[in-house]
Each structure stands twice: as structure tokens, then as C-alpha cells.
N, C-alpha and C. Protein backbone atom coordinates (compact mmCIF):
# COMPACT_ATOMS: atom_id res chain seq x y z
N MET A 1 16.17 6.93 -25.26
CA MET A 1 15.63 6.16 -24.02
C MET A 1 15.79 4.79 -24.51
N PHE A 2 14.52 4.07 -23.92
CA PHE A 2 14.81 2.27 -23.45
C PHE A 2 13.71 2.37 -24.48
N LYS A 3 13.68 0.86 -24.74
CA LYS A 3 12.65 0.01 -25.77
C LYS A 3 12.40 -1.40 -24.83
N VAL A 4 11.50 -1.73 -25.53
CA VAL A 4 11.07 -3.04 -24.98
C VAL A 4 11.84 -4.30 -24.86
N GLY A 5 12.10 -5.26 -24.13
CA GLY A 5 13.11 -6.09 -23.93
C GLY A 5 14.73 -5.58 -23.38
N ASP A 6 14.65 -4.29 -23.22
CA ASP A 6 16.12 -3.70 -22.66
C ASP A 6 16.24 -3.88 -20.99
N ILE A 7 17.31 -4.28 -20.84
CA ILE A 7 17.11 -4.27 -19.03
C ILE A 7 18.00 -2.73 -18.77
N VAL A 8 17.20 -2.78 -17.67
CA VAL A 8 17.66 -1.41 -16.92
C VAL A 8 17.98 -1.53 -15.59
N VAL A 9 18.29 -0.30 -14.79
CA VAL A 9 18.43 -0.25 -13.47
C VAL A 9 16.91 0.56 -12.58
N TYR A 10 16.48 -0.07 -11.61
CA TYR A 10 15.55 0.96 -11.09
C TYR A 10 15.93 1.19 -10.00
N PRO A 11 16.08 2.43 -9.73
CA PRO A 11 16.93 2.83 -8.22
C PRO A 11 16.18 2.18 -6.93
N ALA A 12 17.09 1.87 -5.92
CA ALA A 12 16.42 1.18 -4.93
C ALA A 12 15.80 -0.34 -5.12
N HIS A 13 15.18 -0.55 -6.30
CA HIS A 13 14.55 -1.83 -6.82
C HIS A 13 15.90 -3.28 -7.45
N GLY A 14 16.71 -2.69 -8.15
CA GLY A 14 17.82 -3.26 -8.95
C GLY A 14 17.34 -3.43 -10.42
N VAL A 15 18.23 -4.30 -11.06
CA VAL A 15 17.79 -4.79 -12.39
C VAL A 15 16.52 -4.95 -13.16
N SER A 16 16.29 -4.52 -13.90
CA SER A 16 14.42 -4.72 -14.40
C SER A 16 14.71 -4.72 -16.00
N GLU A 17 13.86 -5.24 -16.60
CA GLU A 17 13.37 -5.56 -17.96
C GLU A 17 12.00 -4.44 -18.24
N VAL A 18 12.39 -3.88 -19.22
CA VAL A 18 11.09 -3.24 -19.81
C VAL A 18 10.49 -4.05 -20.74
N GLU A 19 9.11 -4.37 -19.82
CA GLU A 19 8.05 -5.45 -20.43
C GLU A 19 7.40 -4.86 -21.73
N ALA A 20 6.91 -3.70 -21.46
CA ALA A 20 6.11 -3.21 -22.37
C ALA A 20 5.86 -1.53 -22.34
N MET A 21 5.23 -1.02 -23.46
CA MET A 21 4.84 0.65 -23.16
C MET A 21 3.46 0.27 -23.46
N GLU A 22 2.69 1.19 -22.49
CA GLU A 22 1.49 1.23 -22.36
C GLU A 22 1.17 2.87 -22.71
N THR A 23 0.05 3.00 -23.12
CA THR A 23 -0.78 4.39 -23.06
C THR A 23 -2.01 4.45 -22.12
N ARG A 24 -1.86 5.03 -21.00
CA ARG A 24 -3.24 5.27 -20.42
C ARG A 24 -3.63 6.36 -20.40
N GLU A 25 -5.39 6.77 -20.13
CA GLU A 25 -5.75 8.00 -19.98
C GLU A 25 -6.35 8.47 -18.67
N ILE A 26 -5.22 9.32 -17.74
CA ILE A 26 -5.64 8.99 -16.71
C ILE A 26 -5.94 11.39 -16.17
N SER A 27 -7.31 11.17 -15.41
CA SER A 27 -8.01 12.45 -15.37
C SER A 27 -7.79 13.04 -16.74
N GLY A 28 -8.11 12.35 -17.81
CA GLY A 28 -8.38 13.43 -19.51
C GLY A 28 -7.04 13.66 -19.98
N SER A 29 -6.05 13.00 -19.16
CA SER A 29 -4.96 13.26 -20.16
C SER A 29 -3.99 12.01 -20.55
N THR A 30 -3.67 11.87 -21.60
CA THR A 30 -3.18 10.33 -22.10
C THR A 30 -1.38 10.54 -21.79
N ILE A 31 -1.24 9.80 -21.18
CA ILE A 31 0.23 9.46 -20.69
C ILE A 31 0.89 7.75 -21.03
N SER A 32 2.08 8.08 -21.53
CA SER A 32 2.56 6.81 -22.01
C SER A 32 3.55 6.26 -20.49
N PHE A 33 3.43 4.96 -20.13
CA PHE A 33 4.07 4.25 -19.52
C PHE A 33 5.52 3.38 -19.78
N PHE A 34 6.47 3.10 -19.18
CA PHE A 34 7.33 2.37 -19.19
C PHE A 34 6.61 0.97 -18.38
N ILE A 35 6.37 -0.39 -18.57
CA ILE A 35 6.44 -1.29 -17.73
C ILE A 35 7.42 -1.96 -17.51
N LEU A 36 7.71 -2.00 -15.99
CA LEU A 36 9.03 -2.36 -16.08
C LEU A 36 8.75 -3.39 -15.35
N LYS A 37 9.79 -4.64 -15.29
CA LYS A 37 9.59 -6.17 -14.39
C LYS A 37 10.64 -6.41 -13.41
N VAL A 38 10.74 -5.94 -12.03
CA VAL A 38 12.14 -6.03 -11.33
C VAL A 38 12.56 -7.69 -11.08
N LEU A 39 13.51 -7.88 -11.68
CA LEU A 39 14.02 -9.10 -12.09
C LEU A 39 14.11 -10.32 -10.58
N ASP A 40 14.38 -9.41 -9.74
CA ASP A 40 15.19 -10.34 -8.72
C ASP A 40 13.61 -10.50 -7.70
N THR A 41 12.79 -9.53 -7.68
CA THR A 41 11.39 -9.56 -6.72
C THR A 41 10.57 -10.05 -7.42
N GLU A 42 10.21 -9.69 -9.11
CA GLU A 42 9.17 -10.21 -10.12
C GLU A 42 8.26 -9.08 -9.92
N MET A 43 8.39 -8.20 -9.49
CA MET A 43 7.76 -6.55 -9.03
C MET A 43 7.48 -6.10 -10.38
N THR A 44 6.12 -5.77 -10.61
CA THR A 44 6.01 -4.75 -11.85
C THR A 44 5.65 -3.63 -11.51
N VAL A 45 6.53 -2.53 -12.47
CA VAL A 45 6.37 -1.20 -12.04
C VAL A 45 5.85 -0.38 -13.07
N MET A 46 4.80 0.53 -12.90
CA MET A 46 4.83 1.17 -14.39
C MET A 46 5.33 2.83 -14.04
N VAL A 47 6.16 3.47 -14.94
CA VAL A 47 6.89 4.52 -14.91
C VAL A 47 6.21 5.53 -15.69
N PRO A 48 5.81 6.57 -15.94
CA PRO A 48 5.61 7.48 -16.56
C PRO A 48 6.72 7.96 -17.71
N VAL A 49 6.62 7.65 -18.90
CA VAL A 49 7.84 7.72 -19.50
C VAL A 49 8.67 9.41 -19.54
N THR A 50 7.97 10.24 -19.22
CA THR A 50 8.35 11.79 -18.67
C THR A 50 8.86 11.74 -17.22
N ASN A 51 8.73 11.02 -16.45
CA ASN A 51 9.57 10.89 -15.56
C ASN A 51 10.84 10.06 -15.15
N VAL A 52 11.39 8.99 -16.32
CA VAL A 52 12.20 8.44 -16.19
C VAL A 52 13.74 8.71 -15.61
N LYS A 53 13.78 10.31 -15.95
CA LYS A 53 15.11 10.80 -15.81
C LYS A 53 15.26 11.25 -13.81
N ASN A 54 13.71 11.70 -13.91
CA ASN A 54 13.46 11.95 -12.32
C ASN A 54 13.56 10.86 -11.32
N VAL A 55 13.06 9.76 -12.03
CA VAL A 55 13.04 8.37 -11.33
C VAL A 55 14.74 8.10 -10.94
N GLY A 56 15.13 8.17 -12.28
CA GLY A 56 16.50 7.48 -12.00
C GLY A 56 17.34 6.25 -13.00
N ILE A 57 15.74 6.21 -13.58
CA ILE A 57 16.31 4.89 -14.32
C ILE A 57 17.64 5.31 -14.96
N ARG A 58 18.41 3.72 -14.98
CA ARG A 58 19.32 3.90 -15.86
C ARG A 58 19.99 2.62 -16.48
N GLU A 59 20.98 2.24 -17.67
CA GLU A 59 21.16 1.65 -18.31
C GLU A 59 22.20 0.71 -17.29
N LEU A 60 22.41 -0.78 -17.42
CA LEU A 60 23.31 -1.34 -16.53
C LEU A 60 24.81 -0.52 -16.51
N ILE A 61 25.68 -1.00 -15.41
CA ILE A 61 26.78 -0.74 -15.40
C ILE A 61 28.14 -1.32 -16.50
N ASP A 62 28.81 -0.83 -17.23
CA ASP A 62 29.62 -1.13 -18.03
C ASP A 62 31.10 -1.83 -16.93
N ASN A 63 31.96 -2.13 -17.65
CA ASN A 63 32.94 -2.51 -17.37
C ASN A 63 33.97 -1.49 -16.81
N LYS A 64 33.94 -0.44 -17.32
CA LYS A 64 34.62 0.51 -16.52
C LYS A 64 33.75 1.11 -15.35
N GLY A 65 32.95 0.96 -14.99
CA GLY A 65 32.15 1.14 -14.10
C GLY A 65 32.26 0.10 -13.10
N ILE A 66 32.38 -0.98 -13.91
CA ILE A 66 32.27 -2.21 -12.72
C ILE A 66 33.79 -1.83 -11.83
N GLN A 67 34.85 -1.69 -12.77
CA GLN A 67 36.32 -1.73 -11.91
C GLN A 67 36.00 -0.86 -11.11
N ARG A 68 35.32 0.79 -11.63
CA ARG A 68 35.38 1.79 -10.75
C ARG A 68 34.83 1.38 -8.94
N VAL A 69 33.12 0.10 -9.14
CA VAL A 69 32.69 0.21 -7.42
C VAL A 69 33.60 -0.77 -7.54
N MET A 70 34.87 -1.88 -7.72
CA MET A 70 35.59 -2.65 -7.15
C MET A 70 37.03 -1.70 -6.56
N ASN A 71 37.09 -0.74 -6.96
CA ASN A 71 38.19 0.66 -6.71
C ASN A 71 37.37 0.87 -5.31
N ILE A 72 36.12 1.15 -5.23
CA ILE A 72 35.35 2.08 -4.05
C ILE A 72 35.42 1.24 -2.84
N LEU A 73 35.13 -0.40 -3.04
CA LEU A 73 35.09 -1.17 -2.31
C LEU A 73 36.01 -1.49 -1.77
N ARG A 74 37.45 -1.32 -2.89
CA ARG A 74 38.88 -1.61 -1.95
C ARG A 74 39.57 -0.83 -1.19
N GLU A 75 39.26 0.57 -1.07
CA GLU A 75 39.68 1.52 -0.17
C GLU A 75 39.32 1.47 1.06
N ARG A 76 40.45 1.57 1.95
CA ARG A 76 40.40 1.29 3.36
C ARG A 76 40.54 2.31 4.15
N SER A 77 40.99 3.13 3.71
CA SER A 77 41.74 4.82 4.45
C SER A 77 40.49 5.93 4.35
N VAL A 78 38.97 5.30 4.65
CA VAL A 78 37.86 6.10 4.59
C VAL A 78 37.57 5.89 5.89
N SER A 79 37.12 7.24 6.61
CA SER A 79 36.40 7.17 7.95
C SER A 79 35.23 7.19 8.08
N VAL A 80 34.72 6.47 8.37
CA VAL A 80 33.45 6.19 8.46
C VAL A 80 32.87 6.80 9.44
N ASP A 81 31.70 7.74 9.18
CA ASP A 81 31.32 9.31 10.62
C ASP A 81 30.51 7.97 11.60
N ASN A 82 31.14 8.65 12.61
CA ASN A 82 30.31 7.73 13.89
C ASN A 82 29.31 8.65 14.24
N GLN A 83 28.57 9.48 13.30
CA GLN A 83 27.00 10.05 13.94
C GLN A 83 26.11 8.65 14.56
N THR A 84 24.98 9.20 15.16
CA THR A 84 23.90 8.54 15.22
C THR A 84 23.71 7.52 13.98
N TRP A 85 23.16 6.09 14.82
CA TRP A 85 22.86 5.63 13.59
C TRP A 85 21.44 5.67 12.88
N ASN A 86 20.78 6.47 13.25
CA ASN A 86 19.59 6.88 12.60
C ASN A 86 19.91 7.98 11.29
N ARG A 87 20.85 8.98 11.79
CA ARG A 87 21.50 9.56 10.31
C ARG A 87 22.14 9.23 9.76
N ARG A 88 23.08 7.93 10.29
CA ARG A 88 23.91 7.34 9.09
C ARG A 88 22.76 6.75 8.35
N TYR A 89 21.90 5.92 8.49
CA TYR A 89 20.79 5.34 8.03
C TYR A 89 20.40 6.14 6.76
N ARG A 90 19.42 7.00 7.42
CA ARG A 90 18.80 8.00 6.67
C ARG A 90 20.18 8.37 5.16
N GLU A 91 21.22 9.08 5.62
CA GLU A 91 22.25 9.21 4.82
C GLU A 91 22.41 7.70 3.56
N TYR A 92 22.40 6.75 4.02
CA TYR A 92 22.88 5.57 3.32
C TYR A 92 21.62 5.18 2.61
N MET A 93 20.55 5.64 2.83
CA MET A 93 19.31 5.21 2.32
C MET A 93 19.18 5.69 1.09
N GLU A 94 19.59 7.37 1.22
CA GLU A 94 19.65 8.32 0.23
C GLU A 94 20.41 7.74 -1.15
N LYS A 95 21.51 7.00 -0.88
CA LYS A 95 22.63 6.68 -1.48
C LYS A 95 21.81 5.53 -2.25
N ILE A 96 21.23 4.44 -1.46
CA ILE A 96 20.83 3.53 -1.96
C ILE A 96 19.72 3.60 -3.28
N LYS A 97 18.68 4.53 -2.47
CA LYS A 97 17.68 5.51 -3.47
C LYS A 97 18.32 5.99 -4.86
N SER A 98 19.28 6.61 -4.66
CA SER A 98 20.03 7.30 -5.95
C SER A 98 19.92 6.10 -7.03
N GLY A 99 20.30 5.27 -6.63
CA GLY A 99 20.34 4.03 -8.05
C GLY A 99 21.86 3.83 -8.41
N SER A 100 22.83 5.11 -7.90
CA SER A 100 23.84 5.04 -8.32
C SER A 100 24.64 3.56 -7.68
N ALA A 101 25.61 3.13 -8.86
CA ALA A 101 25.89 2.15 -8.08
C ALA A 101 27.47 2.48 -7.33
N PHE A 102 28.06 3.71 -7.80
CA PHE A 102 29.06 3.70 -7.21
C PHE A 102 28.38 4.11 -5.54
N GLU A 103 27.54 4.65 -5.48
CA GLU A 103 27.02 5.04 -4.03
C GLU A 103 26.80 4.14 -3.67
N ILE A 104 26.15 3.21 -3.94
CA ILE A 104 25.87 1.65 -3.67
C ILE A 104 26.90 0.70 -2.98
N ALA A 105 28.19 1.09 -3.51
CA ALA A 105 29.48 0.79 -3.36
C ALA A 105 30.10 1.21 -2.25
N GLU A 106 29.58 2.58 -1.99
CA GLU A 106 30.00 3.18 -0.47
C GLU A 106 29.43 2.93 0.62
N VAL A 107 28.28 2.58 0.22
CA VAL A 107 27.70 2.13 1.66
C VAL A 107 28.15 0.70 1.92
N LEU A 108 28.18 -0.27 1.04
CA LEU A 108 28.71 -1.39 1.35
C LEU A 108 29.82 -1.42 1.96
N ARG A 109 30.94 -0.51 1.67
CA ARG A 109 31.79 -0.43 1.86
C ARG A 109 31.84 0.08 3.45
N ASP A 110 31.19 1.23 3.73
CA ASP A 110 31.19 1.91 4.98
C ASP A 110 30.56 1.04 6.05
N LEU A 111 29.75 0.34 5.27
CA LEU A 111 29.01 -0.53 6.40
C LEU A 111 30.28 -1.81 6.66
N ASN A 112 30.68 -2.22 5.61
CA ASN A 112 32.23 -3.12 6.01
C ASN A 112 33.25 -2.87 6.99
N ILE A 113 33.27 -1.48 6.94
CA ILE A 113 34.38 -1.27 7.77
C ILE A 113 33.78 -0.95 9.20
N LEU A 114 32.89 -0.76 8.86
CA LEU A 114 31.91 -0.64 10.49
C LEU A 114 31.61 -1.65 11.26
N LYS A 115 31.94 -2.95 10.36
CA LYS A 115 31.44 -4.27 10.95
C LYS A 115 32.74 -4.49 11.47
N ARG A 116 33.88 -3.81 11.27
CA ARG A 116 35.01 -4.63 11.77
C ARG A 116 34.95 -4.48 13.05
N GLY A 117 34.68 -3.08 13.36
CA GLY A 117 34.90 -2.47 14.42
C GLY A 117 33.66 -2.70 15.87
N LYS A 118 32.73 -3.09 15.32
CA LYS A 118 31.60 -3.52 16.04
C LYS A 118 30.20 -4.21 15.30
N GLU A 119 29.57 -4.77 16.23
CA GLU A 119 28.26 -5.61 15.46
C GLU A 119 27.58 -4.93 15.02
N LEU A 120 27.15 -5.02 13.69
CA LEU A 120 26.17 -4.30 13.27
C LEU A 120 24.58 -4.79 13.77
N SER A 121 23.84 -3.03 13.85
CA SER A 121 22.55 -3.72 14.19
C SER A 121 21.48 -4.27 13.23
N PHE A 122 20.45 -4.68 13.53
CA PHE A 122 19.59 -5.66 12.80
C PHE A 122 19.83 -4.71 11.32
N GLY A 123 19.39 -3.35 11.24
CA GLY A 123 19.12 -2.31 9.96
C GLY A 123 20.48 -2.16 9.27
N GLU A 124 21.31 -1.75 10.20
CA GLU A 124 22.46 -1.82 9.40
C GLU A 124 22.76 -3.51 8.51
N ARG A 125 22.47 -4.33 8.95
CA ARG A 125 22.74 -5.56 8.51
C ARG A 125 21.95 -5.70 7.09
N LYS A 126 20.96 -5.60 7.53
CA LYS A 126 19.69 -5.67 6.28
C LYS A 126 20.34 -4.84 5.17
N MET A 127 20.85 -3.44 5.45
CA MET A 127 21.23 -2.71 5.03
C MET A 127 22.16 -2.93 3.74
N TYR A 128 23.37 -3.69 4.74
CA TYR A 128 24.55 -4.16 4.14
C TYR A 128 23.66 -5.36 3.17
N ASP A 129 23.10 -5.83 3.25
CA ASP A 129 22.72 -7.30 2.22
C ASP A 129 22.17 -6.52 1.21
N THR A 130 21.16 -5.50 1.50
CA THR A 130 20.54 -4.89 0.51
C THR A 130 21.36 -4.59 -0.70
N ALA A 131 22.40 -3.63 -0.20
CA ALA A 131 23.54 -2.88 -0.81
C ALA A 131 24.31 -3.77 -2.06
N LYS A 132 24.40 -5.32 -1.23
CA LYS A 132 25.40 -5.98 -1.83
C LYS A 132 24.57 -6.61 -2.79
N ASN A 133 23.04 -7.39 -2.33
CA ASN A 133 22.54 -7.87 -3.41
C ASN A 133 22.24 -6.84 -4.82
N LEU A 134 22.21 -5.34 -4.54
CA LEU A 134 21.84 -4.72 -5.76
C LEU A 134 23.22 -4.73 -6.69
N LEU A 135 24.36 -4.80 -6.26
CA LEU A 135 25.37 -4.72 -6.80
C LEU A 135 25.68 -6.10 -7.51
N VAL A 136 25.42 -7.25 -6.60
CA VAL A 136 25.89 -8.30 -7.27
C VAL A 136 24.57 -8.48 -8.35
N ASN A 137 23.45 -8.24 -8.41
CA ASN A 137 22.75 -8.26 -9.32
C ASN A 137 22.77 -7.61 -10.73
N GLU A 138 22.93 -6.71 -10.42
CA GLU A 138 23.64 -5.74 -11.56
C GLU A 138 24.78 -6.12 -12.21
N ILE A 139 25.87 -6.48 -11.50
CA ILE A 139 27.34 -6.51 -12.16
C ILE A 139 26.92 -8.20 -12.91
N SER A 140 26.20 -8.82 -11.92
CA SER A 140 26.32 -10.36 -13.01
C SER A 140 25.44 -10.15 -13.76
N THR A 141 24.34 -9.34 -14.41
CA THR A 141 23.73 -9.19 -15.28
C THR A 141 24.82 -8.94 -16.69
N SER A 142 25.26 -7.70 -16.01
CA SER A 142 26.18 -6.74 -16.98
C SER A 142 27.17 -7.91 -17.66
N ARG A 143 27.80 -8.57 -16.73
CA ARG A 143 29.08 -9.52 -16.82
C ARG A 143 28.55 -10.42 -17.58
N LYS A 144 27.19 -10.84 -17.57
CA LYS A 144 26.63 -12.28 -17.91
C LYS A 144 27.26 -13.28 -16.86
N ALA A 145 27.70 -12.70 -15.46
CA ALA A 145 27.99 -14.42 -15.00
C ALA A 145 27.61 -14.63 -13.62
N GLY A 146 27.99 -15.55 -12.99
CA GLY A 146 26.81 -16.24 -11.95
C GLY A 146 27.11 -15.21 -10.69
N LYS A 147 26.11 -15.28 -9.75
CA LYS A 147 25.84 -14.23 -8.49
C LYS A 147 26.75 -14.43 -7.82
N LYS A 148 26.74 -15.96 -7.42
CA LYS A 148 28.31 -16.50 -6.73
C LYS A 148 29.46 -16.00 -7.02
N GLU A 149 29.58 -16.07 -7.96
CA GLU A 149 31.12 -15.72 -8.78
C GLU A 149 30.94 -14.23 -8.32
N VAL A 150 29.98 -13.12 -8.60
CA VAL A 150 30.12 -11.82 -8.86
C VAL A 150 30.20 -11.51 -6.80
N GLU A 151 29.69 -12.19 -6.66
CA GLU A 151 29.82 -11.89 -4.87
C GLU A 151 30.83 -12.25 -3.97
N LYS A 152 31.71 -12.97 -4.47
CA LYS A 152 33.05 -13.48 -4.26
C LYS A 152 33.80 -12.69 -4.72
N LEU A 153 33.68 -12.06 -5.77
CA LEU A 153 34.62 -10.74 -5.91
C LEU A 153 34.29 -9.72 -5.27
N LEU A 154 33.16 -9.42 -5.22
CA LEU A 154 32.84 -8.40 -4.19
C LEU A 154 33.68 -8.26 -3.02
N LEU A 155 33.20 -9.40 -2.19
CA LEU A 155 33.79 -9.71 -1.01
C LEU A 155 35.49 -9.53 -1.04
N GLU A 156 36.18 -10.30 -1.64
CA GLU A 156 37.55 -10.30 -2.15
C GLU A 156 37.76 -8.65 -1.80
N ALA A 157 37.42 -8.15 -2.82
CA ALA A 157 37.50 -6.25 -3.07
C ALA A 157 37.28 -6.05 -1.43
N MET A 158 36.39 -6.04 -0.87
CA MET A 158 36.39 -5.73 0.30
C MET A 158 37.30 -6.40 1.60
N GLY A 159 38.26 -7.23 0.96
CA GLY A 159 39.30 -8.09 1.82
C GLY A 159 38.69 -9.38 3.04
N LYS A 160 37.56 -9.80 2.26
CA LYS A 160 37.38 -10.74 2.82
C LYS A 160 37.10 -12.24 1.83
N THR A 161 36.90 -13.37 2.60
CA THR A 161 37.30 -14.68 2.17
C THR A 161 36.03 -15.17 2.49
N GLU A 162 35.86 -16.39 1.77
CA GLU A 162 34.90 -17.24 1.90
C GLU A 162 34.19 -17.71 3.50
N THR A 163 35.61 -17.56 4.25
CA THR A 163 35.25 -18.39 5.55
C THR A 163 34.62 -16.78 6.58
N ASN A 164 34.94 -15.68 6.25
CA ASN A 164 34.82 -14.83 7.11
C ASN A 164 33.74 -13.54 6.14
N THR A 165 33.09 -14.79 5.97
CA THR A 165 31.33 -13.44 4.60
C THR A 165 30.42 -13.17 6.11
N ALA A 166 30.36 -13.69 7.24
CA ALA A 166 29.08 -13.38 8.04
C ALA A 166 29.47 -11.94 8.98
């Protein structure tokens, strides 16, 4: 279980710090909560301690996990499903909401592959940016590295250079 000061990942929101533990009485029941502060947005979230597993809160990715993310991003022989945008959007959102760095990396990779063949829609570009930012924030926090440096590593893994990041 987590303790105050721990850095964790809150699915779909990203890297968060456990700021406090509080106990509140709700409808006659005493419930313990983790108070999380999402580092990127400064948003505060209360999560019942008993719900931590269900919500998917987890520890930061380690070096072995970072290497696996990079390998996922390097994959090129992946066929991106040409299903309708809204079906693909729902599928990708589920992966982002899972909180798994590996599933988020798959979304980023697939959108990057799709982007090479056609211009992404507004929603797809937004999702691409969300996936990239979630990975950049987690990896930079885990490695204690700069966000620009980590973003450059992710883009290189996907076969991009500084000049064609658009």
C-alpha cells in the first residue's frame, strides 16, 4: 500500500503524489481516503483506500518497463485497424484509462503510424498529445530526467526527428 509522499500513477490523469490520508464519515460509515495531487494539473483527487486496486493506481514504471515502452514505440509491423474513428477512439480511450504505460504506448504508436498515412482528426491529435504527455511525465519522473529529453527519446523511438514532430 502507498504512504504519504509516494509518487504514483493515477490512470488517465498521470503522475500523482500521495499528499495525505484522511478518514471521513459518509452515510454512517467511516472511510479512509488517499488524497492525491496530480502533478501535471495540480488537480486533487480523493480515492477510497479500499478502491485503490479497482481504480488502477500503481507505482511508477521502472527501467525495465521503460525499455518495454520504447520497444512498443519502435514496432513498425503493426497493422492499425481501419475501423471507424469513433470505434477506434473508444478503444484507445479504454487503453489510456487503463493506466498501463504499455497500453498508452500502443495508442501513441498506433496514432503515429496512422498519422503517416493521413492527417489525424482533432480528436485523434488530442489523444496523441494526451498519450505522449502521460508517457513523458511518467518516464521523466521515474528517471528524474527533463521532459524535453524524454519527449525526444519517445519521438526517436517512433522514428521521428526534432524537425518532423508535427
